[in-house]
Amino acid sequence: MTNPMGAGRPAPGLPEPPSGWPVGSYSTYAEAQRAVDHLSDQNFSVEDVTIVGVDLMQVERVTGRLTWAKVIGGGIVSGAWLGLFFGLLLGIFSTDFLGPLIVGLVGGIIFGLISATIPYAATRGQRDFSSTMQLVAGRYDVLCQPRSAETARDLLAKLAL
């Protein structure tokens, strides 16, 4: 489908597939980044280069076991920080500094407890672990615009030696 405003050009802000010729393929992002950095060090026009992650995977890394004590402790700490922040803001604009600070801190702790314990209780033990999510690619291809792809391929071949 074409854009009626731009005669075949994609609409501004919408994602576009990458273009260019493959000049290198790497198993990690660090290797692909190193390749582009090498091109840059050789005064290559890196504006023509794109790193493309291929075979995307969502990876969830388990970081630890969740217990009621950890959930409550985390809720208290995060709520205390938020309450302290709002208490400080209110205290700055108030004639009494300590009162708003204490109210903010206590209110933050209560809010943190509620916002941490209710979702955890709702899982009913189905998810008793904490984790982080990452989007990872199976490989990373370096693409280059056709006008300079041959030069990029030659420079990356020297890097591989």
N, C-alpha and C. Protein backbone atom coordinates (compact mmCIF):
# COMPACT_ATOMS: atom_id res chain seq x y z
N MET A 1 0.84 -1.17 0.00
CA MET A 1 0.00 0.00 0.00
C MET A 1 0.89 1.23 0.00
N THR A 2 0.55 2.19 -0.81
CA THR A 2 1.35 3.40 -0.89
C THR A 2 0.71 4.51 -0.10
N ASN A 3 1.50 5.48 0.17
CA ASN A 3 1.05 6.64 0.91
C ASN A 3 0.44 7.64 -0.07
N PRO A 4 -0.85 8.00 0.08
CA PRO A 4 -1.46 8.92 -0.87
C PRO A 4 -0.82 10.30 -0.83
N MET A 5 -0.12 10.62 0.24
CA MET A 5 0.50 11.93 0.36
C MET A 5 1.87 11.99 -0.30
N GLY A 6 2.49 10.84 -0.53
CA GLY A 6 3.88 10.89 -0.95
C GLY A 6 4.23 10.04 -2.14
N ALA A 7 3.31 9.60 -2.94
CA ALA A 7 3.58 8.88 -4.18
C ALA A 7 4.60 7.76 -4.00
N GLY A 8 4.27 6.77 -3.16
CA GLY A 8 5.12 5.59 -3.01
C GLY A 8 6.11 5.66 -1.86
N ARG A 9 6.31 6.84 -1.30
CA ARG A 9 7.21 6.94 -0.15
C ARG A 9 6.47 6.51 1.11
N PRO A 10 7.17 5.85 2.06
CA PRO A 10 6.50 5.46 3.30
C PRO A 10 6.11 6.69 4.11
N ALA A 11 5.07 6.55 4.89
CA ALA A 11 4.62 7.65 5.73
C ALA A 11 5.69 7.95 6.78
N PRO A 12 5.91 9.22 7.10
CA PRO A 12 6.93 9.57 8.09
C PRO A 12 6.64 8.94 9.45
N GLY A 13 7.68 8.45 10.09
CA GLY A 13 7.55 7.88 11.42
C GLY A 13 7.20 6.40 11.45
N LEU A 14 6.81 5.83 10.32
CA LEU A 14 6.49 4.40 10.29
C LEU A 14 7.76 3.60 10.05
N PRO A 15 7.83 2.41 10.62
CA PRO A 15 9.04 1.61 10.43
C PRO A 15 9.22 1.18 8.98
N GLU A 16 10.47 1.15 8.56
CA GLU A 16 10.81 0.70 7.21
C GLU A 16 11.80 -0.46 7.30
N PRO A 17 11.68 -1.43 6.42
CA PRO A 17 12.67 -2.51 6.43
C PRO A 17 14.04 -1.95 6.04
N PRO A 18 15.10 -2.56 6.55
CA PRO A 18 16.44 -2.06 6.20
C PRO A 18 16.76 -2.34 4.74
N SER A 19 17.62 -1.52 4.20
CA SER A 19 18.03 -1.73 2.80
C SER A 19 19.55 -1.80 2.76
N GLY A 20 20.05 -2.37 1.72
CA GLY A 20 21.49 -2.46 1.52
C GLY A 20 21.93 -3.88 1.25
N TRP A 21 23.19 -4.01 0.93
CA TRP A 21 23.78 -5.31 0.66
C TRP A 21 24.51 -5.82 1.90
N PRO A 22 24.42 -7.12 2.18
CA PRO A 22 25.15 -7.65 3.34
C PRO A 22 26.66 -7.60 3.11
N VAL A 23 27.38 -7.06 4.08
CA VAL A 23 28.84 -6.99 3.99
C VAL A 23 29.50 -7.78 5.12
N GLY A 24 28.71 -8.25 6.08
CA GLY A 24 29.24 -9.05 7.17
C GLY A 24 28.12 -9.62 8.01
N SER A 25 28.37 -10.77 8.64
CA SER A 25 27.38 -11.40 9.51
C SER A 25 28.11 -11.86 10.76
N TYR A 26 27.52 -11.56 11.94
CA TYR A 26 28.20 -11.81 13.21
C TYR A 26 27.25 -12.48 14.19
N SER A 27 27.82 -13.28 15.09
CA SER A 27 26.98 -14.02 16.03
C SER A 27 26.58 -13.18 17.25
N THR A 28 27.30 -12.08 17.53
CA THR A 28 26.93 -11.22 18.65
C THR A 28 26.87 -9.76 18.18
N TYR A 29 26.11 -8.98 18.93
CA TYR A 29 26.01 -7.55 18.62
C TYR A 29 27.36 -6.86 18.81
N ALA A 30 28.13 -7.29 19.81
CA ALA A 30 29.44 -6.69 20.06
C ALA A 30 30.36 -6.85 18.85
N GLU A 31 30.30 -8.02 18.18
CA GLU A 31 31.12 -8.24 16.99
C GLU A 31 30.68 -7.33 15.84
N ALA A 32 29.37 -7.19 15.65
CA ALA A 32 28.86 -6.31 14.60
C ALA A 32 29.24 -4.86 14.89
N GLN A 33 29.14 -4.47 16.14
CA GLN A 33 29.51 -3.11 16.54
C GLN A 33 31.01 -2.88 16.30
N ARG A 34 31.82 -3.89 16.60
CA ARG A 34 33.26 -3.79 16.37
C ARG A 34 33.56 -3.63 14.88
N ALA A 35 32.81 -4.33 14.04
CA ALA A 35 33.00 -4.22 12.59
C ALA A 35 32.68 -2.81 12.11
N VAL A 36 31.58 -2.25 12.57
CA VAL A 36 31.21 -0.89 12.15
C VAL A 36 32.22 0.12 12.71
N ASP A 37 32.70 -0.11 13.93
CA ASP A 37 33.72 0.76 14.50
C ASP A 37 35.00 0.70 13.67
N HIS A 38 35.35 -0.50 13.18
CA HIS A 38 36.52 -0.64 12.32
C HIS A 38 36.32 0.16 11.03
N LEU A 39 35.13 0.08 10.45
CA LEU A 39 34.86 0.87 9.24
C LEU A 39 35.02 2.36 9.54
N SER A 40 34.52 2.79 10.67
CA SER A 40 34.64 4.20 11.05
C SER A 40 36.10 4.60 11.23
N ASP A 41 36.88 3.73 11.85
CA ASP A 41 38.31 4.01 12.04
C ASP A 41 39.05 4.13 10.71
N GLN A 42 38.52 3.49 9.67
CA GLN A 42 39.14 3.54 8.34
C GLN A 42 38.58 4.69 7.49
N ASN A 43 37.88 5.62 8.15
CA ASN A 43 37.28 6.80 7.49
C ASN A 43 36.24 6.40 6.44
N PHE A 44 35.58 5.28 6.68
CA PHE A 44 34.50 4.83 5.80
C PHE A 44 33.23 5.61 6.16
N SER A 45 32.39 5.87 5.18
CA SER A 45 31.14 6.60 5.41
C SER A 45 30.13 5.68 6.11
N VAL A 46 30.15 5.67 7.46
CA VAL A 46 29.31 4.76 8.21
C VAL A 46 27.83 5.14 8.15
N GLU A 47 27.50 6.28 7.59
CA GLU A 47 26.09 6.65 7.42
C GLU A 47 25.39 5.69 6.45
N ASP A 48 26.18 4.97 5.65
CA ASP A 48 25.63 4.00 4.69
C ASP A 48 25.43 2.62 5.31
N VAL A 49 25.75 2.45 6.59
CA VAL A 49 25.78 1.14 7.23
C VAL A 49 24.60 0.98 8.18
N THR A 50 24.06 -0.24 8.24
CA THR A 50 22.97 -0.58 9.16
C THR A 50 23.29 -1.93 9.80
N ILE A 51 23.07 -2.03 11.12
CA ILE A 51 23.19 -3.33 11.80
C ILE A 51 21.77 -3.87 11.98
N VAL A 52 21.55 -5.09 11.51
CA VAL A 52 20.22 -5.69 11.55
C VAL A 52 20.27 -6.98 12.36
N GLY A 53 19.43 -7.04 13.40
CA GLY A 53 19.28 -8.26 14.18
C GLY A 53 18.34 -9.20 13.45
N VAL A 54 18.77 -10.45 13.24
CA VAL A 54 17.99 -11.44 12.50
C VAL A 54 17.65 -12.59 13.45
N ASP A 55 16.50 -13.23 13.24
CA ASP A 55 16.03 -14.33 14.09
C ASP A 55 15.88 -13.86 15.54
N LEU A 56 14.99 -12.90 15.74
CA LEU A 56 14.80 -12.31 17.06
C LEU A 56 14.18 -13.30 18.04
N MET A 57 14.65 -13.21 19.29
CA MET A 57 14.15 -14.05 20.37
C MET A 57 13.90 -13.16 21.58
N GLN A 58 12.86 -13.45 22.32
CA GLN A 58 12.64 -12.81 23.61
C GLN A 58 13.20 -13.74 24.66
N VAL A 59 14.18 -13.26 25.42
CA VAL A 59 14.87 -14.09 26.41
C VAL A 59 14.52 -13.57 27.80
N GLU A 60 14.03 -14.46 28.64
CA GLU A 60 13.73 -14.12 30.02
C GLU A 60 14.78 -14.79 30.90
N ARG A 61 15.56 -13.98 31.59
CA ARG A 61 16.60 -14.50 32.47
C ARG A 61 16.10 -14.44 33.91
N VAL A 62 16.03 -15.59 34.54
CA VAL A 62 15.56 -15.67 35.92
C VAL A 62 16.67 -15.15 36.83
N THR A 63 16.30 -14.20 37.70
CA THR A 63 17.30 -13.56 38.57
C THR A 63 17.21 -14.02 40.03
N GLY A 64 16.11 -14.66 40.40
CA GLY A 64 16.01 -15.12 41.78
C GLY A 64 14.61 -15.58 42.14
N ARG A 65 14.50 -16.15 43.33
CA ARG A 65 13.23 -16.64 43.85
C ARG A 65 12.51 -15.50 44.57
N LEU A 66 11.20 -15.41 44.38
CA LEU A 66 10.40 -14.42 45.08
C LEU A 66 9.77 -15.04 46.31
N THR A 67 9.85 -14.32 47.41
CA THR A 67 9.17 -14.71 48.65
C THR A 67 8.36 -13.51 49.12
N TRP A 68 7.45 -13.77 50.06
CA TRP A 68 6.67 -12.66 50.61
C TRP A 68 7.57 -11.59 51.21
N ALA A 69 8.64 -12.02 51.88
CA ALA A 69 9.55 -11.06 52.51
C ALA A 69 10.20 -10.15 51.47
N LYS A 70 10.63 -10.73 50.33
CA LYS A 70 11.25 -9.92 49.27
C LYS A 70 10.24 -8.98 48.63
N VAL A 71 9.01 -9.46 48.42
CA VAL A 71 7.98 -8.63 47.81
C VAL A 71 7.64 -7.46 48.74
N ILE A 72 7.43 -7.74 50.01
CA ILE A 72 7.09 -6.68 50.98
C ILE A 72 8.26 -5.70 51.13
N GLY A 73 9.46 -6.23 51.24
CA GLY A 73 10.64 -5.37 51.36
C GLY A 73 10.83 -4.48 50.16
N GLY A 74 10.66 -5.05 48.97
CA GLY A 74 10.78 -4.26 47.75
C GLY A 74 9.71 -3.19 47.66
N GLY A 75 8.48 -3.52 48.07
CA GLY A 75 7.40 -2.55 48.08
C GLY A 75 7.67 -1.40 49.03
N ILE A 76 8.19 -1.73 50.22
CA ILE A 76 8.50 -0.69 51.20
C ILE A 76 9.60 0.24 50.67
N VAL A 77 10.66 -0.35 50.13
CA VAL A 77 11.78 0.46 49.65
C VAL A 77 11.37 1.36 48.48
N SER A 78 10.70 0.78 47.47
CA SER A 78 10.31 1.60 46.32
C SER A 78 9.28 2.65 46.72
N GLY A 79 8.35 2.30 47.59
CA GLY A 79 7.37 3.26 48.06
C GLY A 79 8.00 4.36 48.89
N ALA A 80 8.99 4.01 49.70
CA ALA A 80 9.68 5.01 50.52
C ALA A 80 10.40 6.03 49.65
N TRP A 81 11.06 5.55 48.59
CA TRP A 81 11.75 6.48 47.69
C TRP A 81 10.76 7.43 47.02
N LEU A 82 9.66 6.87 46.53
CA LEU A 82 8.65 7.71 45.87
C LEU A 82 8.05 8.70 46.87
N GLY A 83 7.72 8.23 48.07
CA GLY A 83 7.16 9.11 49.09
C GLY A 83 8.14 10.18 49.53
N LEU A 84 9.41 9.81 49.64
CA LEU A 84 10.44 10.78 50.01
C LEU A 84 10.55 11.88 48.95
N PHE A 85 10.49 11.47 47.70
CA PHE A 85 10.56 12.45 46.61
C PHE A 85 9.39 13.43 46.68
N PHE A 86 8.18 12.90 46.78
CA PHE A 86 7.01 13.80 46.86
C PHE A 86 7.01 14.61 48.15
N GLY A 87 7.46 14.03 49.25
CA GLY A 87 7.56 14.76 50.50
C GLY A 87 8.53 15.93 50.40
N LEU A 88 9.66 15.69 49.75
CA LEU A 88 10.63 16.77 49.54
C LEU A 88 10.04 17.89 48.68
N LEU A 89 9.34 17.50 47.62
CA LEU A 89 8.70 18.52 46.77
C LEU A 89 7.69 19.35 47.55
N LEU A 90 6.86 18.67 48.31
CA LEU A 90 5.86 19.39 49.11
C LEU A 90 6.54 20.23 50.19
N GLY A 91 7.60 19.72 50.78
CA GLY A 91 8.31 20.44 51.83
C GLY A 91 8.97 21.71 51.33
N ILE A 92 9.44 21.68 50.10
CA ILE A 92 10.08 22.87 49.52
C ILE A 92 9.08 24.02 49.42
N PHE A 93 7.86 23.72 49.05
CA PHE A 93 6.85 24.75 48.83
C PHE A 93 5.96 24.99 50.06
N SER A 94 6.35 24.42 51.18
CA SER A 94 5.56 24.56 52.40
C SER A 94 6.37 25.32 53.45
N THR A 95 5.65 25.89 54.42
CA THR A 95 6.35 26.58 55.51
C THR A 95 6.95 25.57 56.49
N ASP A 96 6.32 24.41 56.62
CA ASP A 96 6.80 23.33 57.49
C ASP A 96 7.42 22.25 56.61
N PHE A 97 8.73 22.03 56.75
CA PHE A 97 9.43 21.08 55.88
C PHE A 97 9.27 19.64 56.35
N LEU A 98 9.30 19.43 57.67
CA LEU A 98 9.31 18.07 58.21
C LEU A 98 7.96 17.37 58.07
N GLY A 99 6.87 18.07 58.25
CA GLY A 99 5.53 17.48 58.18
C GLY A 99 5.24 16.83 56.83
N PRO A 100 5.37 17.59 55.72
CA PRO A 100 5.13 16.97 54.41
C PRO A 100 6.10 15.83 54.10
N LEU A 101 7.33 15.93 54.59
CA LEU A 101 8.30 14.87 54.36
C LEU A 101 7.86 13.57 55.02
N ILE A 102 7.40 13.65 56.26
CA ILE A 102 6.95 12.45 56.98
C ILE A 102 5.67 11.90 56.35
N VAL A 103 4.72 12.78 56.01
CA VAL A 103 3.48 12.32 55.37
C VAL A 103 3.79 11.65 54.03
N GLY A 104 4.69 12.25 53.24
CA GLY A 104 5.07 11.65 51.96
C GLY A 104 5.72 10.30 52.13
N LEU A 105 6.61 10.19 53.13
CA LEU A 105 7.30 8.93 53.38
C LEU A 105 6.34 7.84 53.81
N VAL A 106 5.46 8.12 54.77
CA VAL A 106 4.49 7.13 55.24
C VAL A 106 3.51 6.76 54.12
N GLY A 107 3.02 7.77 53.40
CA GLY A 107 2.11 7.50 52.28
C GLY A 107 2.77 6.68 51.19
N GLY A 108 4.04 6.96 50.91
CA GLY A 108 4.77 6.20 49.91
C GLY A 108 4.96 4.75 50.31
N ILE A 109 5.26 4.52 51.58
CA ILE A 109 5.43 3.15 52.07
C ILE A 109 4.12 2.37 51.95
N ILE A 110 3.02 3.00 52.33
CA ILE A 110 1.71 2.34 52.22
C ILE A 110 1.39 2.04 50.75
N PHE A 111 1.60 3.03 49.89
CA PHE A 111 1.35 2.84 48.45
C PHE A 111 2.24 1.74 47.89
N GLY A 112 3.52 1.73 48.28
CA GLY A 112 4.46 0.70 47.80
C GLY A 112 4.06 -0.69 48.25
N LEU A 113 3.62 -0.81 49.49
CA LEU A 113 3.17 -2.12 49.99
C LEU A 113 1.97 -2.62 49.19
N ILE A 114 1.00 -1.75 48.99
CA ILE A 114 -0.21 -2.15 48.26
C ILE A 114 0.12 -2.51 46.82
N SER A 115 0.92 -1.66 46.16
CA SER A 115 1.21 -1.90 44.75
C SER A 115 2.12 -3.10 44.51
N ALA A 116 2.81 -3.58 45.53
CA ALA A 116 3.67 -4.76 45.37
C ALA A 116 2.96 -6.04 45.80
N THR A 117 2.18 -5.97 46.89
CA THR A 117 1.60 -7.21 47.43
C THR A 117 0.36 -7.69 46.69
N ILE A 118 -0.47 -6.77 46.22
CA ILE A 118 -1.69 -7.20 45.52
C ILE A 118 -1.37 -7.97 44.23
N PRO A 119 -0.52 -7.46 43.35
CA PRO A 119 -0.20 -8.26 42.15
C PRO A 119 0.46 -9.60 42.47
N TYR A 120 1.34 -9.62 43.49
CA TYR A 120 1.99 -10.88 43.86
C TYR A 120 0.97 -11.88 44.40
N ALA A 121 0.04 -11.41 45.23
CA ALA A 121 -1.00 -12.29 45.77
C ALA A 121 -1.90 -12.81 44.66
N ALA A 122 -2.13 -11.99 43.65
CA ALA A 122 -3.01 -12.38 42.55
C ALA A 122 -2.43 -13.54 41.73
N THR A 123 -1.11 -13.71 41.73
CA THR A 123 -0.52 -14.82 40.97
C THR A 123 -0.71 -16.16 41.65
N ARG A 124 -1.04 -16.16 42.94
CA ARG A 124 -1.29 -17.38 43.72
C ARG A 124 -0.18 -18.42 43.57
N GLY A 125 1.05 -17.96 43.62
CA GLY A 125 2.19 -18.88 43.57
C GLY A 125 2.55 -19.37 42.19
N GLN A 126 1.91 -18.85 41.15
CA GLN A 126 2.20 -19.31 39.79
C GLN A 126 3.50 -18.72 39.25
N ARG A 127 3.98 -17.67 39.86
CA ARG A 127 5.21 -17.02 39.37
C ARG A 127 6.02 -16.56 40.58
N ASP A 128 6.69 -17.49 41.21
CA ASP A 128 7.48 -17.19 42.40
C ASP A 128 8.94 -16.94 42.06
N PHE A 129 9.19 -16.17 41.03
CA PHE A 129 10.57 -15.82 40.67
C PHE A 129 10.59 -14.44 40.03
N SER A 130 11.75 -13.81 40.10
CA SER A 130 11.94 -12.52 39.44
C SER A 130 12.81 -12.75 38.21
N SER A 131 12.67 -11.88 37.22
CA SER A 131 13.41 -12.07 35.98
C SER A 131 13.55 -10.74 35.24
N THR A 132 14.40 -10.76 34.23
CA THR A 132 14.55 -9.63 33.32
C THR A 132 14.30 -10.14 31.90
N MET A 133 13.77 -9.27 31.05
CA MET A 133 13.49 -9.64 29.66
C MET A 133 14.45 -8.90 28.73
N GLN A 134 14.88 -9.59 27.68
CA GLN A 134 15.72 -9.00 26.66
C GLN A 134 15.25 -9.46 25.30
N LEU A 135 15.45 -8.62 24.31
CA LEU A 135 15.22 -8.99 22.92
C LEU A 135 16.60 -9.24 22.32
N VAL A 136 16.86 -10.48 21.87
CA VAL A 136 18.17 -10.88 21.39
C VAL A 136 18.01 -11.46 19.98
N ALA A 137 19.02 -11.24 19.15
CA ALA A 137 18.99 -11.78 17.79
C ALA A 137 19.89 -13.01 17.70
N GLY A 138 19.53 -13.91 16.80
CA GLY A 138 20.36 -15.09 16.55
C GLY A 138 21.65 -14.73 15.84
N ARG A 139 21.59 -13.70 15.01
CA ARG A 139 22.79 -13.18 14.35
C ARG A 139 22.56 -11.71 14.01
N TYR A 140 23.65 -11.02 13.72
CA TYR A 140 23.59 -9.60 13.40
C TYR A 140 24.28 -9.38 12.05
N ASP A 141 23.51 -8.93 11.08
CA ASP A 141 24.05 -8.65 9.75
C ASP A 141 24.37 -7.16 9.64
N VAL A 142 25.49 -6.88 8.99
CA VAL A 142 25.86 -5.51 8.69
C VAL A 142 25.55 -5.29 7.22
N LEU A 143 24.64 -4.34 6.96
CA LEU A 143 24.26 -4.00 5.60
C LEU A 143 24.89 -2.68 5.22
N CYS A 144 25.13 -2.51 3.92
CA CYS A 144 25.71 -1.28 3.42
C CYS A 144 25.02 -0.90 2.11
N GLN A 145 24.88 0.37 1.87
CA GLN A 145 24.28 0.83 0.60
C GLN A 145 25.15 0.35 -0.56
N PRO A 146 24.53 -0.01 -1.68
CA PRO A 146 25.28 -0.59 -2.80
C PRO A 146 26.45 0.25 -3.30
N ARG A 147 26.34 1.57 -3.22
CA ARG A 147 27.41 2.44 -3.76
C ARG A 147 28.75 2.24 -3.05
N SER A 148 28.73 1.76 -1.82
CA SER A 148 30.00 1.60 -1.09
C SER A 148 30.14 0.21 -0.45
N ALA A 149 29.30 -0.73 -0.85
CA ALA A 149 29.32 -2.06 -0.24
C ALA A 149 30.62 -2.82 -0.51
N GLU A 150 31.16 -2.69 -1.72
CA GLU A 150 32.37 -3.43 -2.05
C GLU A 150 33.55 -2.95 -1.20
N THR A 151 33.65 -1.66 -0.99
CA THR A 151 34.71 -1.12 -0.15
C THR A 151 34.55 -1.59 1.29
N ALA A 152 33.32 -1.59 1.78
CA ALA A 152 33.06 -2.05 3.15
C ALA A 152 33.44 -3.52 3.30
N ARG A 153 33.07 -4.33 2.32
CA ARG A 153 33.40 -5.76 2.37
C ARG A 153 34.91 -5.97 2.40
N ASP A 154 35.65 -5.20 1.61
CA ASP A 154 37.11 -5.33 1.60
C ASP A 154 37.72 -4.93 2.94
N LEU A 155 37.22 -3.83 3.54
CA LEU A 155 37.74 -3.38 4.84
C LEU A 155 37.43 -4.40 5.95
N LEU A 156 36.25 -5.00 5.89
CA LEU A 156 35.88 -5.98 6.92
C LEU A 156 36.65 -7.29 6.72
N ALA A 157 37.02 -7.61 5.48
CA ALA A 157 37.84 -8.79 5.23
C ALA A 157 39.22 -8.62 5.87
N LYS A 158 39.76 -7.39 5.83
CA LYS A 158 41.06 -7.13 6.48
C LYS A 158 40.95 -7.24 8.00
N LEU A 159 39.78 -6.86 8.55
CA LEU A 159 39.56 -6.97 9.99
C LEU A 159 39.56 -8.43 10.42
N ALA A 160 38.97 -9.31 9.58
CA ALA A 160 38.87 -10.74 9.92
C ALA A 160 40.24 -11.40 9.96
N LEU A 161 41.21 -10.82 9.21
CA LEU A 161 42.57 -11.40 9.21
C LEU A 161 43.22 -11.04 10.51
